[in-house]
Amino acid sequence: MNVVRFQKPAYSVNNLVDEMLRDISKPVAKNVKRIPLNVFEDENGYFLELSVPGYSKEQFKISSKDDQLIIKAEVEEKEETTYKRREFSVSAFEKSYYLPDNVDLDNISAKYNNGVLTIELQKQVKEEKNIQISVQ
């Protein structure tokens, strides 16, 4: 077993402040949007929860095409403000997800509350058919 001598951390308070001030001049990447997503299921359907704070519910457009669910946020971006530091923004995005075969496309609902967009995908109710087959 080797004994390692404790060394001072590489950053002091002054170094951290200098590092933060240097970040001001770095360009902010645009249109890079990672939307955190939770998906869960119960006996009635599937639920998608997207963490999207800062939007209004009118900015969301949700549709389905073929076997995909498409979620868009339309935001009118303004370039009026010159930021010294920018760590978050509200920008337009589009996400799409493949839907399971048993989703009822006529029963999809959504609500937006406290920065979380919840989409409920109802499962189709399968009718049980009782078929008699004669043996010949």
N, C-alpha and C. Protein backbone atom coordinates (compact mmCIF):
# COMPACT_ATOMS: atom_id res chain seq x y z
N MET A 1 0.83 -1.17 0.00
CA MET A 1 0.00 0.00 0.00
C MET A 1 0.88 1.24 0.00
N ASN A 2 0.60 2.16 -0.90
CA ASN A 2 1.36 3.39 -0.99
C ASN A 2 0.62 4.51 -0.29
N VAL A 3 1.35 5.35 0.34
CA VAL A 3 0.76 6.52 0.98
C VAL A 3 0.92 7.69 0.02
N VAL A 4 -0.20 8.34 -0.27
CA VAL A 4 -0.18 9.46 -1.19
C VAL A 4 -0.39 10.72 -0.38
N ARG A 5 0.46 11.67 -0.58
CA ARG A 5 0.38 12.92 0.14
C ARG A 5 -0.74 13.78 -0.44
N PHE A 6 -1.53 14.39 0.41
CA PHE A 6 -2.63 15.24 -0.02
C PHE A 6 -2.08 16.48 -0.71
N GLN A 7 -2.67 16.80 -1.85
CA GLN A 7 -2.27 17.99 -2.58
C GLN A 7 -3.42 18.97 -2.59
N LYS A 8 -3.08 20.24 -2.64
CA LYS A 8 -4.11 21.26 -2.72
C LYS A 8 -4.89 21.11 -4.02
N PRO A 9 -6.20 21.43 -4.01
CA PRO A 9 -6.95 21.37 -5.26
C PRO A 9 -6.36 22.34 -6.28
N ALA A 10 -6.52 22.00 -7.53
CA ALA A 10 -5.96 22.81 -8.61
C ALA A 10 -6.64 24.17 -8.72
N TYR A 11 -7.87 24.27 -8.26
CA TYR A 11 -8.61 25.52 -8.38
C TYR A 11 -8.76 26.19 -7.02
N SER A 12 -8.48 27.43 -6.99
CA SER A 12 -8.80 28.23 -5.82
C SER A 12 -10.03 29.05 -6.18
N VAL A 13 -10.57 29.80 -5.23
CA VAL A 13 -11.74 30.63 -5.51
C VAL A 13 -11.44 31.60 -6.64
N ASN A 14 -10.27 32.22 -6.63
CA ASN A 14 -9.91 33.16 -7.69
C ASN A 14 -9.83 32.48 -9.06
N ASN A 15 -9.28 31.26 -9.10
CA ASN A 15 -9.22 30.55 -10.37
C ASN A 15 -10.61 30.22 -10.90
N LEU A 16 -11.53 29.85 -10.01
CA LEU A 16 -12.88 29.54 -10.45
C LEU A 16 -13.57 30.76 -11.02
N VAL A 17 -13.41 31.91 -10.39
CA VAL A 17 -14.00 33.15 -10.90
C VAL A 17 -13.40 33.48 -12.27
N ASP A 18 -12.08 33.34 -12.40
CA ASP A 18 -11.44 33.58 -13.69
C ASP A 18 -12.01 32.65 -14.77
N GLU A 19 -12.19 31.39 -14.40
CA GLU A 19 -12.72 30.42 -15.36
C GLU A 19 -14.14 30.79 -15.79
N MET A 20 -14.97 31.25 -14.85
CA MET A 20 -16.34 31.66 -15.19
C MET A 20 -16.31 32.86 -16.12
N LEU A 21 -15.45 33.81 -15.86
CA LEU A 21 -15.38 35.00 -16.70
C LEU A 21 -14.88 34.65 -18.10
N ARG A 22 -14.01 33.66 -18.21
CA ARG A 22 -13.54 33.23 -19.53
C ARG A 22 -14.68 32.61 -20.34
N ASP A 23 -15.61 31.93 -19.68
CA ASP A 23 -16.74 31.31 -20.37
C ASP A 23 -17.64 32.32 -21.07
N ILE A 24 -17.61 33.57 -20.65
CA ILE A 24 -18.47 34.59 -21.25
C ILE A 24 -18.20 34.73 -22.73
N SER A 25 -16.98 34.61 -23.13
CA SER A 25 -16.63 34.83 -24.53
C SER A 25 -16.90 33.61 -25.41
N LYS A 26 -17.22 32.45 -24.81
CA LYS A 26 -17.48 31.26 -25.61
C LYS A 26 -18.83 31.37 -26.31
N PRO A 27 -18.91 30.98 -27.58
CA PRO A 27 -20.20 31.04 -28.27
C PRO A 27 -21.17 30.01 -27.71
N VAL A 28 -22.44 30.35 -27.74
CA VAL A 28 -23.49 29.46 -27.27
C VAL A 28 -23.98 28.64 -28.45
N ALA A 29 -24.01 27.33 -28.28
CA ALA A 29 -24.50 26.45 -29.36
C ALA A 29 -26.00 26.66 -29.52
N LYS A 30 -26.44 26.83 -30.75
CA LYS A 30 -27.85 27.05 -31.02
C LYS A 30 -28.50 25.77 -31.52
N ASN A 31 -29.78 25.67 -31.25
CA ASN A 31 -30.60 24.54 -31.71
C ASN A 31 -30.09 23.19 -31.22
N VAL A 32 -29.41 23.17 -30.09
CA VAL A 32 -29.01 21.93 -29.47
C VAL A 32 -29.93 21.74 -28.29
N LYS A 33 -30.82 20.78 -28.39
CA LYS A 33 -31.84 20.63 -27.37
C LYS A 33 -31.95 19.17 -26.97
N ARG A 34 -31.63 18.88 -25.75
CA ARG A 34 -31.84 17.54 -25.20
C ARG A 34 -33.00 17.66 -24.24
N ILE A 35 -34.08 16.99 -24.56
CA ILE A 35 -35.28 17.05 -23.75
C ILE A 35 -35.34 15.80 -22.88
N PRO A 36 -35.25 15.95 -21.56
CA PRO A 36 -35.37 14.79 -20.68
C PRO A 36 -36.78 14.18 -20.79
N LEU A 37 -36.84 12.86 -20.82
CA LEU A 37 -38.10 12.16 -21.06
C LEU A 37 -38.27 11.02 -20.08
N ASN A 38 -39.47 10.92 -19.51
CA ASN A 38 -39.87 9.76 -18.72
C ASN A 38 -40.99 9.07 -19.47
N VAL A 39 -40.97 7.74 -19.50
CA VAL A 39 -42.04 6.97 -20.12
C VAL A 39 -42.47 5.91 -19.12
N PHE A 40 -43.79 5.82 -18.90
CA PHE A 40 -44.29 4.74 -18.07
C PHE A 40 -45.61 4.24 -18.63
N GLU A 41 -46.03 3.08 -18.15
CA GLU A 41 -47.20 2.41 -18.70
C GLU A 41 -48.07 1.90 -17.55
N ASP A 42 -49.37 1.94 -17.76
CA ASP A 42 -50.29 1.25 -16.87
C ASP A 42 -51.23 0.42 -17.74
N GLU A 43 -52.25 -0.17 -17.14
CA GLU A 43 -53.13 -1.06 -17.91
C GLU A 43 -53.94 -0.33 -18.98
N ASN A 44 -54.10 1.02 -18.85
CA ASN A 44 -54.91 1.79 -19.80
C ASN A 44 -54.11 2.43 -20.92
N GLY A 45 -52.82 2.66 -20.70
CA GLY A 45 -52.07 3.35 -21.74
C GLY A 45 -50.62 3.62 -21.37
N TYR A 46 -50.01 4.46 -22.19
CA TYR A 46 -48.62 4.88 -22.02
C TYR A 46 -48.61 6.37 -21.69
N PHE A 47 -47.61 6.79 -20.95
CA PHE A 47 -47.49 8.20 -20.56
C PHE A 47 -46.07 8.66 -20.85
N LEU A 48 -45.97 9.80 -21.51
CA LEU A 48 -44.69 10.43 -21.77
C LEU A 48 -44.65 11.73 -20.98
N GLU A 49 -43.60 11.95 -20.23
CA GLU A 49 -43.39 13.20 -19.51
C GLU A 49 -42.12 13.83 -20.03
N LEU A 50 -42.25 15.04 -20.59
CA LEU A 50 -41.10 15.77 -21.10
C LEU A 50 -40.86 16.97 -20.21
N SER A 51 -39.62 17.16 -19.79
CA SER A 51 -39.26 18.32 -18.97
C SER A 51 -38.92 19.47 -19.91
N VAL A 52 -39.86 20.43 -20.02
CA VAL A 52 -39.71 21.55 -20.95
C VAL A 52 -40.15 22.86 -20.28
N PRO A 53 -39.42 23.31 -19.27
CA PRO A 53 -39.81 24.55 -18.60
C PRO A 53 -39.58 25.77 -19.48
N GLY A 54 -40.37 26.80 -19.26
CA GLY A 54 -40.18 28.07 -19.96
C GLY A 54 -41.07 28.26 -21.17
N TYR A 55 -41.83 27.25 -21.54
CA TYR A 55 -42.72 27.35 -22.68
C TYR A 55 -44.14 27.63 -22.20
N SER A 56 -44.99 28.08 -23.12
CA SER A 56 -46.42 28.16 -22.84
C SER A 56 -47.09 27.02 -23.59
N LYS A 57 -48.25 26.60 -23.13
CA LYS A 57 -48.90 25.45 -23.76
C LYS A 57 -49.29 25.72 -25.20
N GLU A 58 -49.46 26.98 -25.57
CA GLU A 58 -49.82 27.33 -26.95
C GLU A 58 -48.66 27.10 -27.92
N GLN A 59 -47.45 26.99 -27.43
CA GLN A 59 -46.28 26.80 -28.29
C GLN A 59 -46.11 25.35 -28.73
N PHE A 60 -46.80 24.42 -28.10
CA PHE A 60 -46.65 23.00 -28.43
C PHE A 60 -47.62 22.59 -29.53
N LYS A 61 -47.12 21.82 -30.46
CA LYS A 61 -47.91 21.21 -31.52
C LYS A 61 -47.62 19.71 -31.48
N ILE A 62 -48.64 18.92 -31.21
CA ILE A 62 -48.47 17.48 -31.10
C ILE A 62 -49.33 16.82 -32.16
N SER A 63 -48.73 15.92 -32.92
CA SER A 63 -49.47 15.24 -33.99
C SER A 63 -48.96 13.81 -34.11
N SER A 64 -49.69 13.01 -34.87
CA SER A 64 -49.23 11.66 -35.17
C SER A 64 -49.30 11.46 -36.67
N LYS A 65 -48.30 10.79 -37.19
CA LYS A 65 -48.25 10.49 -38.61
C LYS A 65 -47.70 9.08 -38.75
N ASP A 66 -48.45 8.25 -39.47
CA ASP A 66 -48.10 6.84 -39.60
C ASP A 66 -47.97 6.23 -38.21
N ASP A 67 -46.82 5.75 -37.85
CA ASP A 67 -46.63 5.14 -36.53
C ASP A 67 -45.74 5.98 -35.63
N GLN A 68 -45.74 7.30 -35.85
CA GLN A 68 -44.88 8.19 -35.06
C GLN A 68 -45.71 9.26 -34.35
N LEU A 69 -45.26 9.63 -33.16
CA LEU A 69 -45.78 10.78 -32.43
C LEU A 69 -44.78 11.90 -32.62
N ILE A 70 -45.25 13.06 -33.07
CA ILE A 70 -44.37 14.20 -33.34
C ILE A 70 -44.71 15.32 -32.37
N ILE A 71 -43.72 15.79 -31.65
CA ILE A 71 -43.89 16.86 -30.67
C ILE A 71 -43.01 18.02 -31.11
N LYS A 72 -43.63 19.18 -31.31
CA LYS A 72 -42.90 20.38 -31.73
C LYS A 72 -43.18 21.50 -30.74
N ALA A 73 -42.20 22.35 -30.56
CA ALA A 73 -42.40 23.61 -29.85
C ALA A 73 -41.97 24.71 -30.80
N GLU A 74 -42.89 25.61 -31.07
CA GLU A 74 -42.61 26.71 -31.98
C GLU A 74 -42.38 27.97 -31.17
N VAL A 75 -41.18 28.52 -31.29
CA VAL A 75 -40.79 29.68 -30.50
C VAL A 75 -40.26 30.74 -31.45
N GLU A 76 -40.74 31.93 -31.27
CA GLU A 76 -40.22 33.06 -32.05
C GLU A 76 -38.98 33.56 -31.34
N GLU A 77 -37.83 33.30 -31.94
CA GLU A 77 -36.57 33.66 -31.29
C GLU A 77 -36.21 35.11 -31.57
N LYS A 78 -35.79 35.80 -30.52
CA LYS A 78 -35.41 37.20 -30.62
C LYS A 78 -33.91 37.31 -30.39
N GLU A 79 -33.27 38.04 -31.23
CA GLU A 79 -31.82 38.23 -31.12
C GLU A 79 -31.49 39.63 -30.59
N GLU A 80 -32.41 40.24 -29.88
CA GLU A 80 -32.21 41.61 -29.40
C GLU A 80 -31.22 41.70 -28.25
N THR A 81 -31.22 40.69 -27.40
CA THR A 81 -30.41 40.74 -26.19
C THR A 81 -29.02 40.18 -26.44
N THR A 82 -28.02 40.90 -25.96
CA THR A 82 -26.65 40.41 -26.00
C THR A 82 -26.32 39.91 -24.60
N TYR A 83 -26.17 38.61 -24.48
CA TYR A 83 -25.93 38.00 -23.18
C TYR A 83 -24.43 38.00 -22.87
N LYS A 84 -24.10 38.21 -21.63
CA LYS A 84 -22.72 38.07 -21.17
C LYS A 84 -22.45 36.61 -20.80
N ARG A 85 -23.51 35.93 -20.36
CA ARG A 85 -23.43 34.50 -20.04
C ARG A 85 -24.82 33.93 -20.26
N ARG A 86 -24.88 32.80 -20.92
CA ARG A 86 -26.18 32.20 -21.20
C ARG A 86 -26.07 30.70 -21.01
N GLU A 87 -26.78 30.17 -20.02
CA GLU A 87 -26.73 28.76 -19.73
C GLU A 87 -28.03 28.05 -20.07
N PHE A 88 -29.10 28.78 -20.32
CA PHE A 88 -30.34 28.16 -20.73
C PHE A 88 -31.05 29.06 -21.71
N SER A 89 -31.91 28.46 -22.51
CA SER A 89 -32.71 29.23 -23.44
C SER A 89 -33.96 28.43 -23.76
N VAL A 90 -34.94 29.11 -24.27
CA VAL A 90 -36.16 28.48 -24.73
C VAL A 90 -36.13 28.61 -26.25
N SER A 91 -35.98 27.48 -26.92
CA SER A 91 -35.87 27.52 -28.38
C SER A 91 -36.78 26.46 -28.98
N ALA A 92 -37.02 26.59 -30.27
CA ALA A 92 -37.87 25.64 -30.99
C ALA A 92 -37.19 24.27 -31.01
N PHE A 93 -38.01 23.23 -30.97
CA PHE A 93 -37.49 21.87 -31.09
C PHE A 93 -38.55 20.99 -31.72
N GLU A 94 -38.10 19.85 -32.20
CA GLU A 94 -39.01 18.83 -32.73
C GLU A 94 -38.47 17.46 -32.33
N LYS A 95 -39.33 16.65 -31.75
CA LYS A 95 -38.97 15.29 -31.34
C LYS A 95 -40.00 14.35 -31.93
N SER A 96 -39.59 13.16 -32.27
CA SER A 96 -40.55 12.17 -32.74
C SER A 96 -40.24 10.82 -32.10
N TYR A 97 -41.29 10.07 -31.83
CA TYR A 97 -41.17 8.78 -31.17
C TYR A 97 -42.04 7.77 -31.91
N TYR A 98 -41.56 6.56 -32.07
CA TYR A 98 -42.37 5.50 -32.66
C TYR A 98 -43.40 5.04 -31.64
N LEU A 99 -44.61 4.82 -32.13
CA LEU A 99 -45.71 4.41 -31.26
C LEU A 99 -45.87 2.89 -31.30
N PRO A 100 -46.23 2.30 -30.16
CA PRO A 100 -46.54 0.87 -30.17
C PRO A 100 -47.79 0.61 -31.02
N ASP A 101 -47.95 -0.62 -31.50
CA ASP A 101 -49.07 -0.97 -32.36
C ASP A 101 -50.42 -0.85 -31.66
N ASN A 102 -50.44 -0.96 -30.34
CA ASN A 102 -51.71 -0.98 -29.63
C ASN A 102 -52.18 0.40 -29.14
N VAL A 103 -51.62 1.48 -29.68
CA VAL A 103 -52.04 2.83 -29.29
C VAL A 103 -53.25 3.25 -30.11
N ASP A 104 -54.26 3.78 -29.41
CA ASP A 104 -55.46 4.30 -30.07
C ASP A 104 -55.16 5.74 -30.50
N LEU A 105 -54.96 5.94 -31.79
CA LEU A 105 -54.57 7.26 -32.30
C LEU A 105 -55.67 8.31 -32.12
N ASP A 106 -56.90 7.88 -31.89
CA ASP A 106 -57.99 8.83 -31.67
C ASP A 106 -58.10 9.26 -30.22
N ASN A 107 -57.35 8.63 -29.33
CA ASN A 107 -57.40 8.96 -27.90
C ASN A 107 -56.03 9.32 -27.35
N ILE A 108 -55.45 10.37 -27.90
CA ILE A 108 -54.18 10.90 -27.39
C ILE A 108 -54.49 12.25 -26.77
N SER A 109 -54.05 12.46 -25.54
CA SER A 109 -54.29 13.74 -24.87
C SER A 109 -52.99 14.25 -24.26
N ALA A 110 -52.95 15.56 -24.01
CA ALA A 110 -51.73 16.18 -23.46
C ALA A 110 -52.11 17.28 -22.49
N LYS A 111 -51.25 17.48 -21.49
CA LYS A 111 -51.41 18.62 -20.58
C LYS A 111 -50.02 19.13 -20.23
N TYR A 112 -49.98 20.43 -19.92
CA TYR A 112 -48.71 21.09 -19.58
C TYR A 112 -48.89 21.75 -18.23
N ASN A 113 -48.08 21.34 -17.27
CA ASN A 113 -48.21 21.85 -15.92
C ASN A 113 -46.82 21.93 -15.26
N ASN A 114 -46.48 23.10 -14.75
CA ASN A 114 -45.22 23.31 -14.02
C ASN A 114 -43.99 22.84 -14.81
N GLY A 115 -43.97 23.14 -16.12
CA GLY A 115 -42.81 22.83 -16.93
C GLY A 115 -42.72 21.40 -17.41
N VAL A 116 -43.75 20.60 -17.14
CA VAL A 116 -43.75 19.20 -17.58
C VAL A 116 -44.91 18.99 -18.55
N LEU A 117 -44.59 18.54 -19.75
CA LEU A 117 -45.58 18.19 -20.76
C LEU A 117 -45.85 16.71 -20.63
N THR A 118 -47.10 16.36 -20.31
CA THR A 118 -47.49 14.97 -20.14
C THR A 118 -48.42 14.57 -21.28
N ILE A 119 -48.05 13.52 -21.99
CA ILE A 119 -48.85 13.03 -23.11
C ILE A 119 -49.34 11.64 -22.76
N GLU A 120 -50.65 11.46 -22.85
CA GLU A 120 -51.26 10.16 -22.53
C GLU A 120 -51.68 9.49 -23.83
N LEU A 121 -51.20 8.28 -24.02
CA LEU A 121 -51.51 7.48 -25.20
C LEU A 121 -52.36 6.30 -24.75
N GLN A 122 -53.65 6.36 -25.05
CA GLN A 122 -54.56 5.29 -24.64
C GLN A 122 -54.30 4.02 -25.46
N LYS A 123 -54.41 2.87 -24.80
CA LYS A 123 -54.30 1.61 -25.51
C LYS A 123 -55.64 1.29 -26.17
N GLN A 124 -55.58 0.64 -27.32
CA GLN A 124 -56.81 0.22 -27.98
C GLN A 124 -57.41 -0.94 -27.21
N VAL A 125 -58.72 -0.90 -27.08
CA VAL A 125 -59.42 -1.99 -26.41
C VAL A 125 -59.66 -3.07 -27.44
N LYS A 126 -59.11 -4.22 -27.18
CA LYS A 126 -59.28 -5.33 -28.11
C LYS A 126 -60.56 -6.07 -27.73
N GLU A 127 -61.42 -6.21 -28.72
CA GLU A 127 -62.65 -6.95 -28.49
C GLU A 127 -62.36 -8.44 -28.59
N GLU A 128 -62.82 -9.15 -27.60
CA GLU A 128 -62.64 -10.59 -27.64
C GLU A 128 -63.71 -11.19 -28.52
N LYS A 129 -63.29 -11.96 -29.46
CA LYS A 129 -64.22 -12.62 -30.37
C LYS A 129 -64.24 -14.10 -30.04
N ASN A 130 -65.44 -14.61 -29.96
CA ASN A 130 -65.61 -16.03 -29.69
C ASN A 130 -66.02 -16.69 -31.00
N ILE A 131 -65.11 -17.39 -31.61
CA ILE A 131 -65.34 -17.99 -32.91
C ILE A 131 -65.38 -19.49 -32.74
N GLN A 132 -66.41 -20.11 -33.31
CA GLN A 132 -66.53 -21.58 -33.31
C GLN A 132 -65.97 -22.13 -34.62
N ILE A 133 -65.12 -23.04 -34.53
CA ILE A 133 -64.52 -23.64 -35.72
C ILE A 133 -64.94 -25.10 -35.75
N SER A 134 -65.51 -25.49 -36.86
CA SER A 134 -65.94 -26.88 -36.98
C SER A 134 -64.79 -27.71 -37.56
N VAL A 135 -64.69 -28.91 -37.06
CA VAL A 135 -63.66 -29.83 -37.50
C VAL A 135 -64.27 -30.75 -38.56
N GLN A 136 -63.62 -30.89 -39.69
CA GLN A 136 -64.15 -31.74 -40.76
C GLN A 136 -63.31 -32.95 -40.99
